[in-house]
Amino acid sequence: LKQHLNVAGPETADVEALRLQVSELQQKVEQLQDENK
């Protein structure tokens, strides 16, 4: 029941924080790839 009640997913603030983190990490990856080249 607990597992299926959490289908809605994490809180909006958590999602936004994770999106920001993903964006920052994508930029870091691009920067490191350029530096590597």
PDB file of all heavy atoms in Angstrom:
ATOM      1  N   LEU A   1       0.829  -1.205   0.000  1.00  0.00           N
ATOM      2  CA  LEU A   1       0.000   0.000   0.000  1.00  0.00           C
ATOM      3  C   LEU A   1       0.862   1.254   0.000  1.00  0.00           C
ATOM      4  O   LEU A   1       0.607   2.194  -0.766  1.00  0.00           O
ATOM      5  CB  LEU A   1      -0.929   0.013   1.218  1.00  0.00           C
ATOM      6  CG  LEU A   1      -2.001  -1.071   1.265  1.00  0.00           C
ATOM      7  CD1 LEU A   1      -2.751  -1.004   2.587  1.00  0.00           C
ATOM      8  CD2 LEU A   1      -2.948  -0.949   0.102  1.00  0.00           C
ATOM      9  N   LYS A   2       1.889   1.280   0.829  1.00  0.00           N
ATOM     10  CA  LYS A   2       2.778   2.445   0.889  1.00  0.00           C
ATOM     11  C   LYS A   2       3.437   2.691  -0.467  1.00  0.00           C
ATOM     12  O   LYS A   2       3.526   3.823  -0.923  1.00  0.00           O
ATOM     13  CB  LYS A   2       3.858   2.240   1.954  1.00  0.00           C
ATOM     14  CG  LYS A   2       3.350   2.350   3.367  1.00  0.00           C
ATOM     15  CD  LYS A   2       4.479   2.089   4.348  1.00  0.00           C
ATOM     16  CE  LYS A   2       4.026   2.106   5.770  1.00  0.00           C
ATOM     17  NZ  LYS A   2       5.129   1.802   6.712  1.00  0.00           N
ATOM     18  N   GLN A   3       3.907   1.627  -1.077  1.00  0.00           N
ATOM     19  CA  GLN A   3       4.577   1.749  -2.371  1.00  0.00           C
ATOM     20  C   GLN A   3       3.625   2.314  -3.417  1.00  0.00           C
ATOM     21  O   GLN A   3       3.996   3.188  -4.191  1.00  0.00           O
ATOM     22  CB  GLN A   3       5.091   0.379  -2.814  1.00  0.00           C
ATOM     23  CG  GLN A   3       5.802   0.403  -4.147  1.00  0.00           C
ATOM     24  CD  GLN A   3       6.235  -0.992  -4.566  1.00  0.00           C
ATOM     25  OE1 GLN A   3       5.976  -1.977  -3.882  1.00  0.00           O
ATOM     26  NE2 GLN A   3       6.905  -1.081  -5.696  1.00  0.00           N
ATOM     27  N   HIS A   4       2.405   1.855  -3.438  1.00  0.00           N
ATOM     28  CA  HIS A   4       1.452   2.307  -4.437  1.00  0.00           C
ATOM     29  C   HIS A   4       0.856   3.673  -4.116  1.00  0.00           C
ATOM     30  O   HIS A   4       0.376   4.362  -5.003  1.00  0.00           O
ATOM     31  CB  HIS A   4       0.365   1.255  -4.643  1.00  0.00           C
ATOM     32  CG  HIS A   4       0.861   0.082  -5.435  1.00  0.00           C
ATOM     33  ND1 HIS A   4       1.607  -0.922  -4.870  1.00  0.00           N
ATOM     34  CD2 HIS A   4       0.760  -0.212  -6.742  1.00  0.00           C
ATOM     35  CE1 HIS A   4       1.929  -1.797  -5.800  1.00  0.00           C
ATOM     36  NE2 HIS A   4       1.432  -1.397  -6.945  1.00  0.00           N
ATOM     37  N   LEU A   5       0.887   4.053  -2.873  1.00  0.00           N
ATOM     38  CA  LEU A   5       0.425   5.391  -2.518  1.00  0.00           C
ATOM     39  C   LEU A   5       1.442   6.451  -2.936  1.00  0.00           C
ATOM     40  O   LEU A   5       1.083   7.591  -3.175  1.00  0.00           O
ATOM     41  CB  LEU A   5       0.175   5.496  -1.009  1.00  0.00           C
ATOM     42  CG  LEU A   5      -1.136   4.915  -0.531  1.00  0.00           C
ATOM     43  CD1 LEU A   5      -1.187   4.921   0.997  1.00  0.00           C
ATOM     44  CD2 LEU A   5      -2.316   5.681  -1.095  1.00  0.00           C
ATOM     45  N   ASN A   6       2.699   6.081  -3.053  1.00  0.00           N
ATOM     46  CA  ASN A   6       3.748   7.015  -3.435  1.00  0.00           C
ATOM     47  C   ASN A   6       3.905   7.141  -4.945  1.00  0.00           C
ATOM     48  O   ASN A   6       4.909   7.642  -5.418  1.00  0.00           O
ATOM     49  CB  ASN A   6       5.079   6.605  -2.807  1.00  0.00           C
ATOM     50  CG  ASN A   6       5.086   6.806  -1.314  1.00  0.00           C
ATOM     51  OD1 ASN A   6       4.411   7.695  -0.810  1.00  0.00           O
ATOM     52  ND2 ASN A   6       5.832   5.997  -0.601  1.00  0.00           N
ATOM     53  N   VAL A   7       2.912   6.695  -5.693  1.00  0.00           N
ATOM     54  CA  VAL A   7       2.965   6.755  -7.146  1.00  0.00           C
ATOM     55  C   VAL A   7       3.077   8.193  -7.634  1.00  0.00           C
ATOM     56  O   VAL A   7       3.673   8.470  -8.653  1.00  0.00           O
ATOM     57  CB  VAL A   7       1.723   6.063  -7.760  1.00  0.00           C
ATOM     58  CG1 VAL A   7       1.618   6.307  -9.238  1.00  0.00           C
ATOM     59  CG2 VAL A   7       1.787   4.574  -7.483  1.00  0.00           C
ATOM     60  N   ALA A   8       2.538   9.131  -6.872  1.00  0.00           N
ATOM     61  CA  ALA A   8       2.571  10.531  -7.287  1.00  0.00           C
ATOM     62  C   ALA A   8       3.991  11.044  -7.405  1.00  0.00           C
ATOM     63  O   ALA A   8       4.247  11.993  -8.134  1.00  0.00           O
ATOM     64  CB  ALA A   8       1.780  11.385  -6.303  1.00  0.00           C
ATOM     65  N   GLY A   9       4.930  10.428  -6.721  1.00  0.00           N
ATOM     66  CA  GLY A   9       6.313  10.824  -6.826  1.00  0.00           C
ATOM     67  C   GLY A   9       6.728  11.792  -5.742  1.00  0.00           C
ATOM     68  O   GLY A   9       5.962  12.103  -4.844  1.00  0.00           O
ATOM     69  N   PRO A  10       7.934  12.276  -5.876  1.00  0.00           N
ATOM     70  CA  PRO A  10       8.467  13.173  -4.853  1.00  0.00           C
ATOM     71  C   PRO A  10       7.801  14.541  -4.878  1.00  0.00           C
ATOM     72  O   PRO A  10       7.114  14.893  -5.831  1.00  0.00           O
ATOM     73  CB  PRO A  10       9.944  13.275  -5.218  1.00  0.00           C
ATOM     74  CG  PRO A  10      10.026  12.914  -6.648  1.00  0.00           C
ATOM     75  CD  PRO A  10       8.878  11.986  -6.928  1.00  0.00           C
ATOM     76  N   GLU A  11       8.047  15.296  -3.843  1.00  0.00           N
ATOM     77  CA  GLU A  11       7.504  16.640  -3.736  1.00  0.00           C
ATOM     78  C   GLU A  11       8.040  17.518  -4.861  1.00  0.00           C
ATOM     79  O   GLU A  11       9.122  17.296  -5.382  1.00  0.00           O
ATOM     80  CB  GLU A  11       7.895  17.248  -2.384  1.00  0.00           C
ATOM     81  CG  GLU A  11       7.292  16.541  -1.199  1.00  0.00           C
ATOM     82  CD  GLU A  11       5.789  16.691  -1.139  1.00  0.00           C
ATOM     83  OE1 GLU A  11       5.266  17.779  -1.425  1.00  0.00           O
ATOM     84  OE2 GLU A  11       5.135  15.704  -0.793  1.00  0.00           O
ATOM     85  N   THR A  12       7.293  18.528  -5.219  1.00  0.00           N
ATOM     86  CA  THR A  12       7.669  19.440  -6.293  1.00  0.00           C
ATOM     87  C   THR A  12       9.017  20.094  -6.016  1.00  0.00           C
ATOM     88  O   THR A  12       9.842  20.236  -6.922  1.00  0.00           O
ATOM     89  CB  THR A  12       6.587  20.519  -6.480  1.00  0.00           C
ATOM     90  OG1 THR A  12       5.338  19.864  -6.691  1.00  0.00           O
ATOM     91  CG2 THR A  12       6.883  21.407  -7.649  1.00  0.00           C
ATOM     92  N   ALA A  13       9.266  20.482  -4.782  1.00  0.00           N
ATOM     93  CA  ALA A  13      10.540  21.110  -4.433  1.00  0.00           C
ATOM     94  C   ALA A  13      11.696  20.147  -4.677  1.00  0.00           C
ATOM     95  O   ALA A  13      12.752  20.549  -5.171  1.00  0.00           O
ATOM     96  CB  ALA A  13      10.511  21.569  -2.982  1.00  0.00           C
ATOM     97  N   ASP A  14      11.492  18.870  -4.359  1.00  0.00           N
ATOM     98  CA  ASP A  14      12.523  17.869  -4.600  1.00  0.00           C
ATOM     99  C   ASP A  14      12.792  17.720  -6.081  1.00  0.00           C
ATOM    100  O   ASP A  14      13.942  17.621  -6.519  1.00  0.00           O
ATOM    101  CB  ASP A  14      12.112  16.511  -4.018  1.00  0.00           C
ATOM    102  CG  ASP A  14      12.034  16.523  -2.502  1.00  0.00           C
ATOM    103  OD1 ASP A  14      12.651  17.403  -1.875  1.00  0.00           O
ATOM    104  OD2 ASP A  14      11.351  15.642  -1.945  1.00  0.00           O
ATOM    105  N   VAL A  15      11.733  17.697  -6.866  1.00  0.00           N
ATOM    106  CA  VAL A  15      11.870  17.559  -8.313  1.00  0.00           C
ATOM    107  C   VAL A  15      12.633  18.748  -8.890  1.00  0.00           C
ATOM    108  O   VAL A  15      13.536  18.585  -9.715  1.00  0.00           O
ATOM    109  CB  VAL A  15      10.488  17.414  -8.993  1.00  0.00           C
ATOM    110  CG1 VAL A  15      10.610  17.484 -10.498  1.00  0.00           C
ATOM    111  CG2 VAL A  15       9.828  16.111  -8.570  1.00  0.00           C
ATOM    112  N   GLU A  16      12.287  19.936  -8.454  1.00  0.00           N
ATOM    113  CA  GLU A  16      12.971  21.137  -8.941  1.00  0.00           C
ATOM    114  C   GLU A  16      14.447  21.115  -8.567  1.00  0.00           C
ATOM    115  O   GLU A  16      15.307  21.458  -9.375  1.00  0.00           O
ATOM    116  CB  GLU A  16      12.294  22.405  -8.410  1.00  0.00           C
ATOM    117  CG  GLU A  16      10.968  22.698  -9.070  1.00  0.00           C
ATOM    118  CD  GLU A  16      11.050  22.798 -10.585  1.00  0.00           C
ATOM    119  OE1 GLU A  16      11.970  23.464 -11.110  1.00  0.00           O
ATOM    120  OE2 GLU A  16      10.200  22.186 -11.260  1.00  0.00           O
ATOM    121  N   ALA A  17      14.748  20.715  -7.354  1.00  0.00           N
ATOM    122  CA  ALA A  17      16.143  20.634  -6.908  1.00  0.00           C
ATOM    123  C   ALA A  17      16.910  19.619  -7.747  1.00  0.00           C
ATOM    124  O   ALA A  17      18.051  19.871  -8.147  1.00  0.00           O
ATOM    125  CB  ALA A  17      16.205  20.273  -5.431  1.00  0.00           C
ATOM    126  N   LEU A  18      16.272  18.484  -8.030  1.00  0.00           N
ATOM    127  CA  LEU A  18      16.924  17.460  -8.846  1.00  0.00           C
ATOM    128  C   LEU A  18      17.113  17.928 -10.287  1.00  0.00           C
ATOM    129  O   LEU A  18      18.144  17.657 -10.903  1.00  0.00           O
ATOM    130  CB  LEU A  18      16.119  16.164  -8.803  1.00  0.00           C
ATOM    131  CG  LEU A  18      16.157  15.421  -7.464  1.00  0.00           C
ATOM    132  CD1 LEU A  18      15.166  14.257  -7.473  1.00  0.00           C
ATOM    133  CD2 LEU A  18      17.551  14.941  -7.151  1.00  0.00           C
ATOM    134  N   ARG A  19      16.148  18.649 -10.826  1.00  0.00           N
ATOM    135  CA  ARG A  19      16.287  19.184 -12.189  1.00  0.00           C
ATOM    136  C   ARG A  19      17.440  20.171 -12.261  1.00  0.00           C
ATOM    137  O   ARG A  19      18.214  20.168 -13.224  1.00  0.00           O
ATOM    138  CB  ARG A  19      14.990  19.848 -12.636  1.00  0.00           C
ATOM    139  CG  ARG A  19      13.925  18.865 -13.009  1.00  0.00           C
ATOM    140  CD  ARG A  19      12.698  19.546 -13.545  1.00  0.00           C
ATOM    141  NE  ARG A  19      11.697  18.548 -13.891  1.00  0.00           N
ATOM    142  CZ  ARG A  19      10.407  18.782 -13.949  1.00  0.00           C
ATOM    143  NH1 ARG A  19       9.938  19.981 -13.698  1.00  0.00           N
ATOM    144  NH2 ARG A  19       9.561  17.822 -14.256  1.00  0.00           N
ATOM    145  N   LEU A  20      17.550  21.017 -11.261  1.00  0.00           N
ATOM    146  CA  LEU A  20      18.642  21.975 -11.215  1.00  0.00           C
ATOM    147  C   LEU A  20      19.979  21.251 -11.134  1.00  0.00           C
ATOM    148  O   LEU A  20      20.931  21.602 -11.839  1.00  0.00           O
ATOM    149  CB  LEU A  20      18.465  22.914 -10.016  1.00  0.00           C
ATOM    150  CG  LEU A  20      19.540  23.973  -9.816  1.00  0.00           C
ATOM    151  CD1 LEU A  20      19.598  24.922 -11.017  1.00  0.00           C
ATOM    152  CD2 LEU A  20      19.285  24.754  -8.544  1.00  0.00           C
ATOM    153  N   GLN A  21      20.034  20.230 -10.307  1.00  0.00           N
ATOM    154  CA  GLN A  21      21.265  19.454 -10.165  1.00  0.00           C
ATOM    155  C   GLN A  21      21.625  18.766 -11.477  1.00  0.00           C
ATOM    156  O   GLN A  21      22.791  18.758 -11.888  1.00  0.00           O
ATOM    157  CB  GLN A  21      21.109  18.426  -9.048  1.00  0.00           C
ATOM    158  CG  GLN A  21      22.380  17.665  -8.741  1.00  0.00           C
ATOM    159  CD  GLN A  21      22.194  16.680  -7.599  1.00  0.00           C
ATOM    160  OE1 GLN A  21      21.079  16.410  -7.161  1.00  0.00           O
ATOM    161  NE2 GLN A  21      23.293  16.125  -7.116  1.00  0.00           N
ATOM    162  N   VAL A  22      20.654  18.213 -12.165  1.00  0.00           N
ATOM    163  CA  VAL A  22      20.903  17.561 -13.449  1.00  0.00           C
ATOM    164  C   VAL A  22      21.431  18.570 -14.462  1.00  0.00           C
ATOM    165  O   VAL A  22      22.400  18.306 -15.184  1.00  0.00           O
ATOM    166  CB  VAL A  22      19.617  16.871 -13.977  1.00  0.00           C
ATOM    167  CG1 VAL A  22      19.755  16.505 -15.446  1.00  0.00           C
ATOM    168  CG2 VAL A  22      19.289  15.645 -13.152  1.00  0.00           C
ATOM    169  N   SER A  23      20.825  19.736 -14.496  1.00  0.00           N
ATOM    170  CA  SER A  23      21.258  20.781 -15.414  1.00  0.00           C
ATOM    171  C   SER A  23      22.706  21.188 -15.140  1.00  0.00           C
ATOM    172  O   SER A  23      23.519  21.312 -16.055  1.00  0.00           O
ATOM    173  CB  SER A  23      20.332  21.989 -15.299  1.00  0.00           C
ATOM    174  OG  SER A  23      20.777  23.027 -16.119  1.00  0.00           O
ATOM    175  N   GLU A  24      23.025  21.391 -13.862  1.00  0.00           N
ATOM    176  CA  GLU A  24      24.391  21.758 -13.485  1.00  0.00           C
ATOM    177  C   GLU A  24      25.380  20.661 -13.863  1.00  0.00           C
ATOM    178  O   GLU A  24      26.473  20.950 -14.366  1.00  0.00           O
ATOM    179  CB  GLU A  24      24.462  22.052 -11.984  1.00  0.00           C
ATOM    180  CG  GLU A  24      23.743  23.316 -11.579  1.00  0.00           C
ATOM    181  CD  GLU A  24      23.640  23.478 -10.070  1.00  0.00           C
ATOM    182  OE1 GLU A  24      24.014  22.545  -9.312  1.00  0.00           O
ATOM    183  OE2 GLU A  24      23.167  24.548  -9.640  1.00  0.00           O
ATOM    184  N   LEU A  25      24.993  19.415 -13.631  1.00  0.00           N
ATOM    185  CA  LEU A  25      25.888  18.302 -13.957  1.00  0.00           C
ATOM    186  C   LEU A  25      26.066  18.146 -15.466  1.00  0.00           C
ATOM    187  O   LEU A  25      27.155  17.801 -15.932  1.00  0.00           O
ATOM    188  CB  LEU A  25      25.372  17.008 -13.326  1.00  0.00           C
ATOM    189  CG  LEU A  25      25.481  16.944 -11.798  1.00  0.00           C
ATOM    190  CD1 LEU A  25      24.776  15.711 -11.262  1.00  0.00           C
ATOM    191  CD2 LEU A  25      26.924  16.980 -11.349  1.00  0.00           C
ATOM    192  N   GLN A  26      25.016  18.416 -16.233  1.00  0.00           N
ATOM    193  CA  GLN A  26      25.143  18.359 -17.690  1.00  0.00           C
ATOM    194  C   GLN A  26      26.114  19.424 -18.182  1.00  0.00           C
ATOM    195  O   GLN A  26      26.931  19.162 -19.072  1.00  0.00           O
ATOM    196  CB  GLN A  26      23.778  18.536 -18.353  1.00  0.00           C
ATOM    197  CG  GLN A  26      22.893  17.315 -18.241  1.00  0.00           C
ATOM    198  CD  GLN A  26      21.482  17.548 -18.756  1.00  0.00           C
ATOM    199  OE1 GLN A  26      20.993  18.673 -18.760  1.00  0.00           O
ATOM    200  NE2 GLN A  26      20.827  16.468 -19.176  1.00  0.00           N
ATOM    201  N   GLN A  27      26.040  20.612 -17.608  1.00  0.00           N
ATOM    202  CA  GLN A  27      26.969  21.670 -17.984  1.00  0.00           C
ATOM    203  C   GLN A  27      28.399  21.292 -17.617  1.00  0.00           C
ATOM    204  O   GLN A  27      29.334  21.531 -18.389  1.00  0.00           O
ATOM    205  CB  GLN A  27      26.586  22.992 -17.288  1.00  0.00           C
ATOM    206  CG  GLN A  27      25.314  23.602 -17.822  1.00  0.00           C
ATOM    207  CD  GLN A  27      24.890  24.834 -17.027  1.00  0.00           C
ATOM    208  OE1 GLN A  27      25.504  25.185 -16.033  1.00  0.00           O
ATOM    209  NE2 GLN A  27      23.818  25.484 -17.478  1.00  0.00           N
ATOM    210  N   LYS A  28      28.574  20.677 -16.457  1.00  0.00           N
ATOM    211  CA  LYS A  28      29.902  20.250 -16.009  1.00  0.00           C
ATOM    212  C   LYS A  28      30.459  19.185 -16.951  1.00  0.00           C
ATOM    213  O   LYS A  28      31.644  19.203 -17.301  1.00  0.00           O
ATOM    214  CB  LYS A  28      29.814  19.719 -14.569  1.00  0.00           C
ATOM    215  CG  LYS A  28      31.126  19.328 -13.973  1.00  0.00           C
ATOM    216  CD  LYS A  28      31.975  20.532 -13.688  1.00  0.00           C
ATOM    217  CE  LYS A  28      33.224  20.142 -12.922  1.00  0.00           C
ATOM    218  NZ  LYS A  28      34.127  21.261 -12.707  1.00  0.00           N
ATOM    219  N   VAL A  29      29.605  18.251 -17.367  1.00  0.00           N
ATOM    220  CA  VAL A  29      30.040  17.205 -18.303  1.00  0.00           C
ATOM    221  C   VAL A  29      30.493  17.839 -19.620  1.00  0.00           C
ATOM    222  O   VAL A  29      31.554  17.484 -20.158  1.00  0.00           O
ATOM    223  CB  VAL A  29      28.905  16.179 -18.543  1.00  0.00           C
ATOM    224  CG1 VAL A  29      29.201  15.309 -19.754  1.00  0.00           C
ATOM    225  CG2 VAL A  29      28.707  15.320 -17.312  1.00  0.00           C
ATOM    226  N   GLU A  30      29.722  18.773 -20.144  1.00  0.00           N
ATOM    227  CA  GLU A  30      30.100  19.452 -21.392  1.00  0.00           C
ATOM    228  C   GLU A  30      31.422  20.179 -21.223  1.00  0.00           C
ATOM    229  O   GLU A  30      32.291  20.125 -22.100  1.00  0.00           O
ATOM    230  CB  GLU A  30      29.006  20.428 -21.820  1.00  0.00           C
ATOM    231  CG  GLU A  30      27.747  19.753 -22.306  1.00  0.00           C
ATOM    232  CD  GLU A  30      26.628  20.742 -22.612  1.00  0.00           C
ATOM    233  OE1 GLU A  30      26.905  21.956 -22.714  1.00  0.00           O
ATOM    234  OE2 GLU A  30      25.474  20.294 -22.748  1.00  0.00           O
ATOM    235  N   GLN A  31      31.590  20.851 -20.093  1.00  0.00           N
ATOM    236  CA  GLN A  31      32.827  21.575 -19.824  1.00  0.00           C
ATOM    237  C   GLN A  31      34.020  20.611 -19.785  1.00  0.00           C
ATOM    238  O   GLN A  31      35.072  20.880 -20.378  1.00  0.00           O
ATOM    239  CB  GLN A  31      32.707  22.314 -18.491  1.00  0.00           C
ATOM    240  CG  GLN A  31      33.970  23.013 -18.044  1.00  0.00           C
ATOM    241  CD  GLN A  31      33.877  23.522 -16.615  1.00  0.00           C
ATOM    242  OE1 GLN A  31      32.824  23.459 -15.993  1.00  0.00           O
ATOM    243  NE2 GLN A  31      34.981  24.010 -16.096  1.00  0.00           N
ATOM    244  N   LEU A  32      33.849  19.494 -19.097  1.00  0.00           N
ATOM    245  CA  LEU A  32      34.923  18.519 -18.997  1.00  0.00           C
ATOM    246  C   LEU A  32      35.219  17.857 -20.338  1.00  0.00           C
ATOM    247  O   LEU A  32      36.389  17.560 -20.655  1.00  0.00           O
ATOM    248  CB  LEU A  32      34.588  17.470 -17.935  1.00  0.00           C
ATOM    249  CG  LEU A  32      34.595  17.973 -16.489  1.00  0.00           C
ATOM    250  CD1 LEU A  32      34.057  16.905 -15.551  1.00  0.00           C
ATOM    251  CD2 LEU A  32      35.983  18.420 -16.069  1.00  0.00           C
ATOM    252  N   GLN A  33      34.196  17.633 -21.154  1.00  0.00           N
ATOM    253  CA  GLN A  33      34.415  17.061 -22.484  1.00  0.00           C
ATOM    254  C   GLN A  33      35.204  18.030 -23.353  1.00  0.00           C
ATOM    255  O   GLN A  33      36.131  17.617 -24.072  1.00  0.00           O
ATOM    256  CB  GLN A  33      33.076  16.712 -23.142  1.00  0.00           C
ATOM    257  CG  GLN A  33      32.429  15.488 -22.551  1.00  0.00           C
ATOM    258  CD  GLN A  33      31.029  15.217 -23.106  1.00  0.00           C
ATOM    259  OE1 GLN A  33      30.354  16.129 -23.583  1.00  0.00           O
ATOM    260  NE2 GLN A  33      30.595  13.969 -23.026  1.00  0.00           N
ATOM    261  N   ASP A  34      34.862  19.325 -23.276  1.00  0.00           N
ATOM    262  CA  ASP A  34      35.605  20.333 -24.030  1.00  0.00           C
ATOM    263  C   ASP A  34      37.050  20.399 -23.557  1.00  0.00           C
ATOM    264  O   ASP A  34      37.987  20.470 -24.371  1.00  0.00           O
ATOM    265  CB  ASP A  34      34.943  21.710 -23.898  1.00  0.00           C
ATOM    266  CG  ASP A  34      33.612  21.797 -24.611  1.00  0.00           C
ATOM    267  OD1 ASP A  34      33.330  20.926 -25.469  1.00  0.00           O
ATOM    268  OD2 ASP A  34      32.834  22.728 -24.297  1.00  0.00           O
ATOM    269  N   GLU A  35      37.240  20.378 -22.257  1.00  0.00           N
ATOM    270  CA  GLU A  35      38.588  20.416 -21.690  1.00  0.00           C
ATOM    271  C   GLU A  35      39.385  19.187 -22.123  1.00  0.00           C
ATOM    272  O   GLU A  35      40.569  19.283 -22.468  1.00  0.00           O
ATOM    273  CB  GLU A  35      38.500  20.484 -20.167  1.00  0.00           C
ATOM    274  CG  GLU A  35      39.835  20.605 -19.474  1.00  0.00           C
ATOM    275  CD  GLU A  35      39.704  20.668 -17.964  1.00  0.00           C
ATOM    276  OE1 GLU A  35      38.610  20.979 -17.452  1.00  0.00           O
ATOM    277  OE2 GLU A  35      40.718  20.403 -17.289  1.00  0.00           O
ATOM    278  N   ASN A  36      38.725  18.045 -22.132  1.00  0.00           N
ATOM    279  CA  ASN A  36      39.374  16.804 -22.563  1.00  0.00           C
ATOM    280  C   ASN A  36      39.828  16.911 -24.022  1.00  0.00           C
ATOM    281  O   ASN A  36      40.939  16.520 -24.364  1.00  0.00           O
ATOM    282  CB  ASN A  36      38.410  15.637 -22.369  1.00  0.00           C
ATOM    283  CG  ASN A  36      39.081  14.291 -22.551  1.00  0.00           C
ATOM    284  OD1 ASN A  36      40.250  14.195 -22.847  1.00  0.00           O
ATOM    285  ND2 ASN A  36      38.299  13.237 -22.363  1.00  0.00           N
ATOM    286  N   LYS A  37      38.967  17.449 -24.888  1.00  0.00           N
ATOM    287  CA  LYS A  37      39.324  17.619 -26.304  1.00  0.00           C
ATOM    288  C   LYS A  37      40.517  18.549 -26.460  1.00  0.00           C
ATOM    289  O   LYS A  37      41.421  18.292 -27.242  1.00  0.00           O
ATOM    290  CB  LYS A  37      38.131  18.169 -27.086  1.00  0.00           C
ATOM    291  CG  LYS A  37      37.046  17.171 -27.352  1.00  0.00           C
ATOM    292  CD  LYS A  37      35.894  17.817 -28.120  1.00  0.00           C
ATOM    293  CE  LYS A  37      34.725  16.872 -28.260  1.00  0.00           C
ATOM    294  NZ  LYS A  37      33.583  17.517 -28.947  1.00  0.00           N
TER     295      LYS A  37
END
